[in-house]
Each structure stands twice: as C-alpha cells, then as structure tokens.
Amino acid sequence: MYMKPLADKEALALVGPNVYTLVTSMDKSGKPNALAVGWVTRTSIKPFLMLISIDRRRYSHEGISHHKEFVVNYPTFEQAKGAEVCGSRSGRDCDKLKEAGLEVVASQKVKVPTIKGCTVAFECKVVSFFETGDHTVFVGEVVACSGNPEKTKHLYYQSDHSMLGLAGK
C-alpha cells in the first residue's frame, strides 16, 4: 500500500475531530469578546503554558496584544449553538457573547472574563509571542483554572466545521 500525494486542504480534511475552544479576550476599551480557536495546545507543564494561534486580522488579536491576557474556554455540548455564533461572526460588528446567549463571569486572576458553565477554563497571561506566517502564536502562562466537572461532554469539530459532541456526561 502506498501513500497518495494530497493537497494541503485535502490532507487537513482528514484530520479530526478537533476540540472546539472559545478564547475570551477584551478589546482596548474593555469590551469582552469570544473567538473560536482551533489551534490551542499545552506546551509546558512547569511552568504550565498554553499556546494559541490567532490570525492577525482577527478582532481578538488586537485585544490580546494590548491586554496580554486571554482565557481558553472549553464549551459544553449544551453551549454548542452559542459557540457556533462565536465562530461565525466578528466582534467588530456585534456583541458576539450577547448574540450567542453565553454569559461571562469574572475570572479569578485575569481581567478577561470566563464563559460561565464551560467544562474547563484556563486563565492565561501572555509570556511571549511570535509571528508564524499570517498568525501570531501567543504563549500564555496558566495562572488559574476553573471548571464544571459534571459537564464533560466537549464540543468537537470536523474539518468542514460541523460540530460533534463526543464521550462524556
């Protein structure tokens, strides 16, 4: 059996499902926003670091660059409809969190809010960043975690951006 050569888009379509996350941030005036981010990973245990990759054209990019904070939220399956809204509109044009019906609560150690009721949230302070093509990778030190252990059914998405809910309560 051989491996067939694939175009980039064709190869990426074979990857998945991927965990669906919402990254909360604030714009320069302090208005909260949520952005669907597919490129999120843990990158260190000690210190506990996570990285996110954000297109420089995104509204959230400016806020994260300005405030040097973000929260990685893992929405529950029940929050799918709201999470989808956050992944399909720009915070420049609307209040996505309001339109999505997602409530935010004060975070423990950062000014950026956390999405209420999500499975888990990681509050991060930016410790470094670097450019990668059309994206900026922000490395955040996790300074606090909160969660909803009763809600473990995460959202996942396929390469065609359709949502799935997999294992969990």
C-alpha atoms as a PDB file:
ATOM      1  CA  MET A   1       0.000   0.000   0.000  1.00  0.00           C
ATOM      2  CA  TYR A   2       1.283   3.460  -0.827  1.00  0.00           C
ATOM      3  CA  MET A   3       0.557   6.960   0.403  1.00  0.00           C
ATOM      4  CA  LYS A   4      -1.282   9.145  -2.106  1.00  0.00           C
ATOM      5  CA  PRO A   5       0.002  12.727  -2.526  1.00  0.00           C
ATOM      6  CA  LEU A   6      -2.567  15.208  -1.189  1.00  0.00           C
ATOM      7  CA  ALA A   7      -3.155  18.930  -1.464  1.00  0.00           C
ATOM      8  CA  ASP A   8      -2.908  20.825   1.855  1.00  0.00           C
ATOM      9  CA  LYS A   9      -6.685  21.315   2.126  1.00  0.00           C
ATOM     10  CA  GLU A  10      -7.355  17.657   1.286  1.00  0.00           C
ATOM     11  CA  ALA A  11      -4.865  16.477   3.923  1.00  0.00           C
ATOM     12  CA  LEU A  12      -6.310  18.777   6.603  1.00  0.00           C
ATOM     13  CA  ALA A  13      -9.790  17.392   5.862  1.00  0.00           C
ATOM     14  CA  LEU A  14      -8.543  14.002   7.087  1.00  0.00           C
ATOM     15  CA  VAL A  15      -7.504  15.387  10.486  1.00  0.00           C
ATOM     16  CA  GLY A  16     -10.053  15.420  13.254  1.00  0.00           C
ATOM     17  CA  PRO A  17     -12.159  15.661  15.076  1.00  0.00           C
ATOM     18  CA  ASN A  18     -10.593  18.636  16.839  1.00  0.00           C
ATOM     19  CA  VAL A  19     -11.515  20.113  20.214  1.00  0.00           C
ATOM     20  CA  TYR A  20     -13.578  23.300  19.844  1.00  0.00           C
ATOM     21  CA  THR A  21     -12.458  26.105  22.124  1.00  0.00           C
ATOM     22  CA  LEU A  22     -13.537  29.673  22.679  1.00  0.00           C
ATOM     23  CA  VAL A  23     -10.846  32.151  23.646  1.00  0.00           C
ATOM     24  CA  THR A  24     -12.137  35.128  25.559  1.00  0.00           C
ATOM     25  CA  SER A  25     -10.378  38.452  25.397  1.00  0.00           C
ATOM     26  CA  MET A  26     -11.190  42.153  25.745  1.00  0.00           C
ATOM     27  CA  ASP A  27     -10.794  44.923  23.220  1.00  0.00           C
ATOM     28  CA  LYS A  28      -8.835  48.064  24.089  1.00  0.00           C
ATOM     29  CA  SER A  29     -11.929  49.647  25.697  1.00  0.00           C
ATOM     30  CA  GLY A  30     -12.547  46.578  27.906  1.00  0.00           C
ATOM     31  CA  LYS A  31     -15.445  45.036  25.924  1.00  0.00           C
ATOM     32  CA  PRO A  32     -15.303  41.222  26.231  1.00  0.00           C
ATOM     33  CA  ASN A  33     -15.224  39.060  23.135  1.00  0.00           C
ATOM     34  CA  ALA A  34     -15.047  35.345  22.349  1.00  0.00           C
ATOM     35  CA  LEU A  35     -13.321  33.784  19.356  1.00  0.00           C
ATOM     36  CA  ALA A  36     -13.475  30.172  18.193  1.00  0.00           C
ATOM     37  CA  VAL A  37      -9.859  28.964  18.120  1.00  0.00           C
ATOM     38  CA  GLY A  38      -8.840  25.620  16.682  1.00  0.00           C
ATOM     39  CA  TRP A  39      -5.119  25.949  17.305  1.00  0.00           C
ATOM     40  CA  VAL A  40      -4.721  25.572  21.062  1.00  0.00           C
ATOM     41  CA  THR A  41      -2.248  23.317  22.837  1.00  0.00           C
ATOM     42  CA  ARG A  42      -0.449  22.768  26.108  1.00  0.00           C
ATOM     43  CA  THR A  43       3.216  23.395  25.618  1.00  0.00           C
ATOM     44  CA  SER A  44       4.770  23.039  29.088  1.00  0.00           C
ATOM     45  CA  ILE A  45       3.883  21.539  32.455  1.00  0.00           C
ATOM     46  CA  LYS A  46       6.318  23.538  34.644  1.00  0.00           C
ATOM     47  CA  PRO A  47       5.543  26.301  34.168  1.00  0.00           C
ATOM     48  CA  PHE A  48       2.055  25.446  32.909  1.00  0.00           C
ATOM     49  CA  LEU A  49       1.942  27.066  29.465  1.00  0.00           C
ATOM     50  CA  MET A  50      -0.646  27.009  26.705  1.00  0.00           C
ATOM     51  CA  LEU A  51      -0.355  28.469  23.256  1.00  0.00           C
ATOM     52  CA  ILE A  52      -2.964  29.802  20.886  1.00  0.00           C
ATOM     53  CA  SER A  53      -2.504  30.800  17.275  1.00  0.00           C
ATOM     54  CA  ILE A  54      -4.576  33.792  16.115  1.00  0.00           C
ATOM     55  CA  ASP A  55      -4.858  35.278  12.627  1.00  0.00           C
ATOM     56  CA  ARG A  56      -3.542  38.846  12.806  1.00  0.00           C
ATOM     57  CA  ARG A  57      -6.704  40.130  11.059  1.00  0.00           C
ATOM     58  CA  ARG A  58      -8.978  38.908  13.867  1.00  0.00           C
ATOM     59  CA  TYR A  59     -10.582  41.408  16.197  1.00  0.00           C
ATOM     60  CA  SER A  60      -9.393  39.428  19.232  1.00  0.00           C
ATOM     61  CA  HIS A  61      -5.762  39.673  18.114  1.00  0.00           C
ATOM     62  CA  GLU A  62      -5.639  43.388  18.914  1.00  0.00           C
ATOM     63  CA  GLY A  63      -7.164  42.878  22.370  1.00  0.00           C
ATOM     64  CA  ILE A  64      -4.839  40.036  23.341  1.00  0.00           C
ATOM     65  CA  SER A  65      -1.854  42.050  22.103  1.00  0.00           C
ATOM     66  CA  HIS A  66      -2.988  45.050  24.162  1.00  0.00           C
ATOM     67  CA  HIS A  67      -4.040  43.395  27.453  1.00  0.00           C
ATOM     68  CA  LYS A  68      -1.589  40.449  27.353  1.00  0.00           C
ATOM     69  CA  GLU A  69      -4.285  38.111  28.760  1.00  0.00           C
ATOM     70  CA  PHE A  70      -6.763  35.554  27.445  1.00  0.00           C
ATOM     71  CA  VAL A  71      -8.894  32.680  28.724  1.00  0.00           C
ATOM     72  CA  VAL A  72      -9.142  29.341  26.910  1.00  0.00           C
ATOM     73  CA  ASN A  73     -12.708  28.054  27.468  1.00  0.00           C
ATOM     74  CA  TYR A  74     -13.868  24.551  26.560  1.00  0.00           C
ATOM     75  CA  PRO A  75     -17.627  24.926  25.997  1.00  0.00           C
ATOM     76  CA  THR A  76     -20.028  22.126  26.880  1.00  0.00           C
ATOM     77  CA  PHE A  77     -22.123  20.301  24.339  1.00  0.00           C
ATOM     78  CA  GLU A  78     -25.140  22.278  25.588  1.00  0.00           C
ATOM     79  CA  GLN A  79     -23.336  25.507  24.623  1.00  0.00           C
ATOM     80  CA  ALA A  80     -22.875  24.388  21.003  1.00  0.00           C
ATOM     81  CA  LYS A  81     -25.287  26.879  19.456  1.00  0.00           C
ATOM     82  CA  GLY A  82     -23.668  29.835  21.232  1.00  0.00           C
ATOM     83  CA  ALA A  83     -20.180  28.542  20.490  1.00  0.00           C
ATOM     84  CA  GLU A  84     -21.064  28.359  16.814  1.00  0.00           C
ATOM     85  CA  VAL A  85     -22.183  32.013  16.864  1.00  0.00           C
ATOM     86  CA  CYS A  86     -18.786  32.984  18.310  1.00  0.00           C
ATOM     87  CA  GLY A  87     -17.106  31.119  15.462  1.00  0.00           C
ATOM     88  CA  SER A  88     -19.133  32.728  12.684  1.00  0.00           C
ATOM     89  CA  ARG A  89     -19.230  36.468  13.433  1.00  0.00           C
ATOM     90  CA  SER A  90     -16.769  39.230  14.197  1.00  0.00           C
ATOM     91  CA  GLY A  91     -16.783  41.107  17.487  1.00  0.00           C
ATOM     92  CA  ARG A  92     -16.018  44.252  15.461  1.00  0.00           C
ATOM     93  CA  ASP A  93     -19.584  44.172  14.140  1.00  0.00           C
ATOM     94  CA  CYS A  94     -21.619  42.876  17.081  1.00  0.00           C
ATOM     95  CA  ASP A  95     -21.624  41.755  20.694  1.00  0.00           C
ATOM     96  CA  LYS A  96     -20.986  38.082  19.979  1.00  0.00           C
ATOM     97  CA  LEU A  97     -21.376  36.917  23.561  1.00  0.00           C
ATOM     98  CA  LYS A  98     -24.816  38.557  23.806  1.00  0.00           C
ATOM     99  CA  GLU A  99     -25.917  37.191  20.422  1.00  0.00           C
ATOM    100  CA  ALA A 100     -24.611  33.756  21.407  1.00  0.00           C
ATOM    101  CA  GLY A 101     -26.509  33.759  24.697  1.00  0.00           C
ATOM    102  CA  LEU A 102     -23.285  32.984  26.551  1.00  0.00           C
ATOM    103  CA  GLU A 103     -22.837  34.551  29.967  1.00  0.00           C
ATOM    104  CA  VAL A 104     -19.427  35.559  31.249  1.00  0.00           C
ATOM    105  CA  VAL A 105     -18.241  35.685  34.840  1.00  0.00           C
ATOM    106  CA  ALA A 106     -15.254  37.315  36.466  1.00  0.00           C
ATOM    107  CA  SER A 107     -12.090  35.283  36.200  1.00  0.00           C
ATOM    108  CA  GLN A 108     -10.008  34.516  39.281  1.00  0.00           C
ATOM    109  CA  LYS A 109      -6.669  36.100  38.294  1.00  0.00           C
ATOM    110  CA  VAL A 110      -7.037  37.900  34.959  1.00  0.00           C
ATOM    111  CA  LYS A 111      -9.268  40.796  33.904  1.00  0.00           C
ATOM    112  CA  VAL A 112     -10.556  38.900  30.860  1.00  0.00           C
ATOM    113  CA  PRO A 113     -13.830  37.111  31.716  1.00  0.00           C
ATOM    114  CA  THR A 114     -14.544  33.373  31.662  1.00  0.00           C
ATOM    115  CA  ILE A 115     -17.540  31.801  29.928  1.00  0.00           C
ATOM    116  CA  LYS A 116     -19.948  30.645  32.639  1.00  0.00           C
ATOM    117  CA  GLY A 117     -20.729  26.931  32.684  1.00  0.00           C
ATOM    118  CA  CYS A 118     -17.989  25.762  30.346  1.00  0.00           C
ATOM    119  CA  THR A 119     -16.327  22.426  31.050  1.00  0.00           C
ATOM    120  CA  VAL A 120     -12.997  23.992  31.923  1.00  0.00           C
ATOM    121  CA  ALA A 121     -11.313  27.368  31.564  1.00  0.00           C
ATOM    122  CA  PHE A 122      -7.625  28.234  31.682  1.00  0.00           C
ATOM    123  CA  GLU A 123      -6.778  31.829  32.577  1.00  0.00           C
ATOM    124  CA  CYS A 124      -3.567  32.893  30.862  1.00  0.00           C
ATOM    125  CA  LYS A 125      -1.138  35.789  30.989  1.00  0.00           C
ATOM    126  CA  VAL A 126       0.921  36.227  27.831  1.00  0.00           C
ATOM    127  CA  VAL A 127       4.602  35.493  28.494  1.00  0.00           C
ATOM    128  CA  SER A 128       5.758  35.537  24.878  1.00  0.00           C
ATOM    129  CA  PHE A 129       4.523  35.678  21.315  1.00  0.00           C
ATOM    130  CA  PHE A 130       5.929  35.223  17.833  1.00  0.00           C
ATOM    131  CA  GLU A 131       4.793  35.527  14.246  1.00  0.00           C
ATOM    132  CA  THR A 132       4.165  32.446  12.104  1.00  0.00           C
ATOM    133  CA  GLY A 133       3.096  33.382   8.588  1.00  0.00           C
ATOM    134  CA  ASP A 134      -0.318  35.061   8.827  1.00  0.00           C
ATOM    135  CA  HIS A 135      -0.810  34.184  12.518  1.00  0.00           C
ATOM    136  CA  THR A 136       0.627  35.197  15.858  1.00  0.00           C
ATOM    137  CA  VAL A 137       1.306  32.500  18.411  1.00  0.00           C
ATOM    138  CA  PHE A 138       0.607  33.744  21.932  1.00  0.00           C
ATOM    139  CA  VAL A 139       2.153  31.701  24.737  1.00  0.00           C
ATOM    140  CA  GLY A 140       0.234  32.128  27.964  1.00  0.00           C
ATOM    141  CA  GLU A 141       1.154  31.037  31.457  1.00  0.00           C
ATOM    142  CA  VAL A 142      -1.871  29.441  33.094  1.00  0.00           C
ATOM    143  CA  VAL A 143      -2.419  31.388  36.317  1.00  0.00           C
ATOM    144  CA  ALA A 144      -5.783  29.868  37.300  1.00  0.00           C
ATOM    145  CA  CYS A 145      -8.174  27.111  36.239  1.00  0.00           C
ATOM    146  CA  SER A 146     -11.881  26.666  36.846  1.00  0.00           C
ATOM    147  CA  GLY A 147     -14.401  24.174  35.604  1.00  0.00           C
ATOM    148  CA  ASN A 148     -17.609  22.274  35.701  1.00  0.00           C
ATOM    149  CA  PRO A 149     -16.646  18.622  36.378  1.00  0.00           C
ATOM    150  CA  GLU A 150     -20.259  17.485  35.918  1.00  0.00           C
ATOM    151  CA  LYS A 151     -20.176  18.619  32.267  1.00  0.00           C
ATOM    152  CA  THR A 152     -17.512  16.622  30.481  1.00  0.00           C
ATOM    153  CA  LYS A 153     -19.100  16.279  27.035  1.00  0.00           C
ATOM    154  CA  HIS A 154     -16.836  18.547  24.999  1.00  0.00           C
ATOM    155  CA  LEU A 155     -17.530  20.084  21.643  1.00  0.00           C
ATOM    156  CA  TYR A 156     -15.502  18.889  18.706  1.00  0.00           C
ATOM    157  CA  TYR A 157     -15.485  19.982  15.087  1.00  0.00           C
ATOM    158  CA  GLN A 158     -14.687  18.280  11.827  1.00  0.00           C
ATOM    159  CA  SER A 159     -12.644  19.847   9.053  1.00  0.00           C
ATOM    160  CA  ASP A 160     -15.907  21.014   7.429  1.00  0.00           C
ATOM    161  CA  HIS A 161     -16.577  22.909  10.710  1.00  0.00           C
ATOM    162  CA  SER A 162     -19.574  20.734  11.618  1.00  0.00           C
ATOM    163  CA  MET A 163     -19.902  20.274  15.382  1.00  0.00           C
ATOM    164  CA  LEU A 164     -19.849  16.992  17.235  1.00  0.00           C
ATOM    165  CA  GLY A 165     -20.211  16.020  20.872  1.00  0.00           C
ATOM    166  CA  LEU A 166     -18.216  13.019  21.973  1.00  0.00           C
ATOM    167  CA  ALA A 167     -17.676  10.930  25.083  1.00  0.00           C
ATOM    168  CA  GLY A 168     -18.588  12.319  28.441  1.00  0.00           C
ATOM    169  CA  LYS A 169     -21.521  13.097  30.698  1.00  0.00           C
END
